[in-house]
Amino acid sequence: MINKKEREWQLAKPIIDRLFKEGIISFDEWYFMILSLRKKLDLLTI
């Protein structure tokens, strides 16, 4: 079963990816957003 944090990740990740693919944000911004979101949702596995 998917918990609330994993669901938020599944909803936000494609939006962040689309911003990068369309050239709206740089790779560095994309990477920082992904890490920040994973940290906020306690999904970091590092």
PDB file of N, CA and C in Angstrom:
ATOM      1  N   MET A   1       0.844  -1.188   0.000  1.00  0.00           N
ATOM      2  CA  MET A   1       0.000   0.000   0.000  1.00  0.00           C
ATOM      3  C   MET A   1       0.888   1.249   0.000  1.00  0.00           C
ATOM      4  N   ILE A   2       0.491   2.229  -0.747  1.00  0.00           N
ATOM      5  CA  ILE A   2       1.253   3.471  -0.880  1.00  0.00           C
ATOM      6  C   ILE A   2       0.828   4.439   0.221  1.00  0.00           C
ATOM      7  N   ASN A   3       1.824   4.936   0.963  1.00  0.00           N
ATOM      8  CA  ASN A   3       1.484   5.900   2.004  1.00  0.00           C
ATOM      9  C   ASN A   3       1.400   7.311   1.412  1.00  0.00           C
ATOM     10  N   LYS A   4       1.011   8.253   2.250  1.00  0.00           N
ATOM     11  CA  LYS A   4       0.785   9.626   1.786  1.00  0.00           C
ATOM     12  C   LYS A   4       2.050  10.264   1.212  1.00  0.00           C
ATOM     13  N   LYS A   5       3.193  10.034   1.850  1.00  0.00           N
ATOM     14  CA  LYS A   5       4.444  10.638   1.385  1.00  0.00           C
ATOM     15  C   LYS A   5       4.848  10.090   0.020  1.00  0.00           C
ATOM     16  N   GLU A   6       4.704   8.787  -0.164  1.00  0.00           N
ATOM     17  CA  GLU A   6       5.037   8.192  -1.460  1.00  0.00           C
ATOM     18  C   GLU A   6       4.094   8.706  -2.543  1.00  0.00           C
ATOM     19  N   ARG A   7       2.843   8.916  -2.207  1.00  0.00           N
ATOM     20  CA  ARG A   7       1.864   9.444  -3.169  1.00  0.00           C
ATOM     21  C   ARG A   7       2.235  10.873  -3.573  1.00  0.00           C
ATOM     22  N   GLU A   8       2.638  11.683  -2.603  1.00  0.00           N
ATOM     23  CA  GLU A   8       3.069  13.052  -2.914  1.00  0.00           C
ATOM     24  C   GLU A   8       4.268  13.027  -3.850  1.00  0.00           C
ATOM     25  N   TRP A   9       5.194  12.101  -3.610  1.00  0.00           N
ATOM     26  CA  TRP A   9       6.372  11.954  -4.465  1.00  0.00           C
ATOM     27  C   TRP A   9       5.943  11.602  -5.883  1.00  0.00           C
ATOM     28  N   GLN A  10       5.024  10.653  -6.017  1.00  0.00           N
ATOM     29  CA  GLN A  10       4.568  10.216  -7.334  1.00  0.00           C
ATOM     30  C   GLN A  10       3.852  11.333  -8.089  1.00  0.00           C
ATOM     31  N   LEU A  11       3.221  12.242  -7.380  1.00  0.00           N
ATOM     32  CA  LEU A  11       2.537  13.362  -8.025  1.00  0.00           C
ATOM     33  C   LEU A  11       3.504  14.482  -8.412  1.00  0.00           C
ATOM     34  N   ALA A  12       4.477  14.760  -7.562  1.00  0.00           N
ATOM     35  CA  ALA A  12       5.378  15.895  -7.786  1.00  0.00           C
ATOM     36  C   ALA A  12       6.510  15.591  -8.760  1.00  0.00           C
ATOM     37  N   LYS A  13       7.034  14.387  -8.744  1.00  0.00           N
ATOM     38  CA  LYS A  13       8.206  14.035  -9.562  1.00  0.00           C
ATOM     39  C   LYS A  13       7.982  14.298 -11.049  1.00  0.00           C
ATOM     40  N   PRO A  14       6.873  13.865 -11.656  1.00  0.00           N
ATOM     41  CA  PRO A  14       6.680  14.135 -13.087  1.00  0.00           C
ATOM     42  C   PRO A  14       6.605  15.630 -13.417  1.00  0.00           C
ATOM     43  N   ILE A  15       6.085  16.419 -12.504  1.00  0.00           N
ATOM     44  CA  ILE A  15       6.004  17.864 -12.732  1.00  0.00           C
ATOM     45  C   ILE A  15       7.407  18.467 -12.760  1.00  0.00           C
ATOM     46  N   ILE A  16       8.240  18.067 -11.804  1.00  0.00           N
ATOM     47  CA  ILE A  16       9.623  18.560 -11.762  1.00  0.00           C
ATOM     48  C   ILE A  16      10.379  18.101 -13.002  1.00  0.00           C
ATOM     49  N   ASP A  17      10.183  16.848 -13.396  1.00  0.00           N
ATOM     50  CA  ASP A  17      10.839  16.322 -14.603  1.00  0.00           C
ATOM     51  C   ASP A  17      10.423  17.106 -15.843  1.00  0.00           C
ATOM     52  N   ARG A  18       9.151  17.445 -15.947  1.00  0.00           N
ATOM     53  CA  ARG A  18       8.656  18.189 -17.107  1.00  0.00           C
ATOM     54  C   ARG A  18       9.274  19.580 -17.175  1.00  0.00           C
ATOM     55  N   LEU A  19       9.426  20.237 -16.030  1.00  0.00           N
ATOM     56  CA  LEU A  19      10.066  21.555 -16.004  1.00  0.00           C
ATOM     57  C   LEU A  19      11.481  21.479 -16.561  1.00  0.00           C
ATOM     58  N   PHE A  20      12.199  20.411 -16.217  1.00  0.00           N
ATOM     59  CA  PHE A  20      13.564  20.231 -16.710  1.00  0.00           C
ATOM     60  C   PHE A  20      13.569  19.927 -18.206  1.00  0.00           C
ATOM     61  N   LYS A  21      12.709  19.031 -18.633  1.00  0.00           N
ATOM     62  CA  LYS A  21      12.675  18.632 -20.045  1.00  0.00           C
ATOM     63  C   LYS A  21      12.299  19.789 -20.963  1.00  0.00           C
ATOM     64  N   GLU A  22      11.458  20.685 -20.472  1.00  0.00           N
ATOM     65  CA  GLU A  22      11.039  21.833 -21.280  1.00  0.00           C
ATOM     66  C   GLU A  22      12.029  22.991 -21.191  1.00  0.00           C
ATOM     67  N   GLY A  23      13.093  22.830 -20.431  1.00  0.00           N
ATOM     68  CA  GLY A  23      14.122  23.853 -20.339  1.00  0.00           C
ATOM     69  C   GLY A  23      13.791  25.004 -19.409  1.00  0.00           C
ATOM     70  N   ILE A  24      12.787  24.832 -18.579  1.00  0.00           N
ATOM     71  CA  ILE A  24      12.386  25.896 -17.660  1.00  0.00           C
ATOM     72  C   ILE A  24      13.353  25.979 -16.477  1.00  0.00           C
ATOM     73  N   ILE A  25      13.861  24.822 -16.051  1.00  0.00           N
ATOM     74  CA  ILE A  25      14.851  24.799 -14.977  1.00  0.00           C
ATOM     75  C   ILE A  25      16.094  24.052 -15.463  1.00  0.00           C
ATOM     76  N   SER A  26      17.235  24.370 -14.871  1.00  0.00           N
ATOM     77  CA  SER A  26      18.496  23.720 -15.244  1.00  0.00           C
ATOM     78  C   SER A  26      18.616  22.373 -14.533  1.00  0.00           C
ATOM     79  N   PHE A  27      19.638  21.614 -14.936  1.00  0.00           N
ATOM     80  CA  PHE A  27      19.872  20.321 -14.293  1.00  0.00           C
ATOM     81  C   PHE A  27      20.146  20.495 -12.807  1.00  0.00           C
ATOM     82  N   ASP A  28      20.937  21.502 -12.450  1.00  0.00           N
ATOM     83  CA  ASP A  28      21.254  21.739 -11.037  1.00  0.00           C
ATOM     84  C   ASP A  28      19.993  22.039 -10.231  1.00  0.00           C
ATOM     85  N   GLU A  29      19.108  22.859 -10.794  1.00  0.00           N
ATOM     86  CA  GLU A  29      17.852  23.174 -10.113  1.00  0.00           C
ATOM     87  C   GLU A  29      16.983  21.926  -9.985  1.00  0.00           C
ATOM     88  N   TRP A  30      16.932  21.130 -11.051  1.00  0.00           N
ATOM     89  CA  TRP A  30      16.155  19.890 -11.042  1.00  0.00           C
ATOM     90  C   TRP A  30      16.669  18.960  -9.942  1.00  0.00           C
ATOM     91  N   TYR A  31      17.999  18.778  -9.895  1.00  0.00           N
ATOM     92  CA  TYR A  31      18.615  17.882  -8.912  1.00  0.00           C
ATOM     93  C   TYR A  31      18.335  18.368  -7.489  1.00  0.00           C
ATOM     94  N   PHE A  32      18.478  19.680  -7.260  1.00  0.00           N
ATOM     95  CA  PHE A  32      18.227  20.245  -5.939  1.00  0.00           C
ATOM     96  C   PHE A  32      16.765  20.066  -5.539  1.00  0.00           C
ATOM     97  N   MET A  33      15.852  20.272  -6.476  1.00  0.00           N
ATOM     98  CA  MET A  33      14.423  20.103  -6.181  1.00  0.00           C
ATOM     99  C   MET A  33      14.101  18.656  -5.802  1.00  0.00           C
ATOM    100  N   ILE A  34      14.677  17.714  -6.550  1.00  0.00           N
ATOM    101  CA  ILE A  34      14.440  16.299  -6.266  1.00  0.00           C
ATOM    102  C   ILE A  34      14.960  15.941  -4.871  1.00  0.00           C
ATOM    103  N   LEU A  35      16.199  16.342  -4.576  1.00  0.00           N
ATOM    104  CA  LEU A  35      16.759  16.037  -3.254  1.00  0.00           C
ATOM    105  C   LEU A  35      15.976  16.716  -2.135  1.00  0.00           C
ATOM    106  N   SER A  36      15.587  17.956  -2.344  1.00  0.00           N
ATOM    107  CA  SER A  36      14.835  18.688  -1.323  1.00  0.00           C
ATOM    108  C   SER A  36      13.484  18.037  -1.056  1.00  0.00           C
ATOM    109  N   LEU A  37      12.811  17.638  -2.116  1.00  0.00           N
ATOM    110  CA  LEU A  37      11.508  16.999  -1.952  1.00  0.00           C
ATOM    111  C   LEU A  37      11.647  15.659  -1.242  1.00  0.00           C
ATOM    112  N   ARG A  38      12.634  14.874  -1.636  1.00  0.00           N
ATOM    113  CA  ARG A  38      12.845  13.574  -0.982  1.00  0.00           C
ATOM    114  C   ARG A  38      13.188  13.763   0.498  1.00  0.00           C
ATOM    115  N   LYS A  39      13.978  14.792   0.808  1.00  0.00           N
ATOM    116  CA  LYS A  39      14.317  15.062   2.208  1.00  0.00           C
ATOM    117  C   LYS A  39      13.073  15.486   2.983  1.00  0.00           C
ATOM    118  N   LYS A  40      12.270  16.364   2.387  1.00  0.00           N
ATOM    119  CA  LYS A  40      11.054  16.840   3.042  1.00  0.00           C
ATOM    120  C   LYS A  40      10.094  15.690   3.332  1.00  0.00           C
ATOM    121  N   LEU A  41      10.022  14.743   2.408  1.00  0.00           N
ATOM    122  CA  LEU A  41       9.105  13.615   2.567  1.00  0.00           C
ATOM    123  C   LEU A  41       9.742  12.442   3.315  1.00  0.00           C
ATOM    124  N   ASP A  42      10.957  12.623   3.803  1.00  0.00           N
ATOM    125  CA  ASP A  42      11.697  11.559   4.498  1.00  0.00           C
ATOM    126  C   ASP A  42      11.837  10.308   3.641  1.00  0.00           C
ATOM    127  N   LEU A  43      12.136  10.504   2.359  1.00  0.00           N
ATOM    128  CA  LEU A  43      12.305   9.382   1.444  1.00  0.00           C
ATOM    129  C   LEU A  43      13.755   9.213   1.010  1.00  0.00           C
ATOM    130  N   LEU A  44      14.680   9.938   1.650  1.00  0.00           N
ATOM    131  CA  LEU A  44      16.096   9.804   1.300  1.00  0.00           C
ATOM    132  C   LEU A  44      16.611   8.450   1.766  1.00  0.00           C
ATOM    133  N   THR A  45      17.355   7.800   0.902  1.00  0.00           N
ATOM    134  CA  THR A  45      17.909   6.490   1.251  1.00  0.00           C
ATOM    135  C   THR A  45      19.423   6.533   1.326  1.00  0.00           C
ATOM    136  N   ILE A  46      19.976   7.733   1.411  1.00  0.00           N
ATOM    137  CA  ILE A  46      21.433   7.904   1.447  1.00  0.00           C
ATOM    138  C   ILE A  46      21.948   7.599   2.843  1.00  0.00           C
TER     139      ILE A  46
END
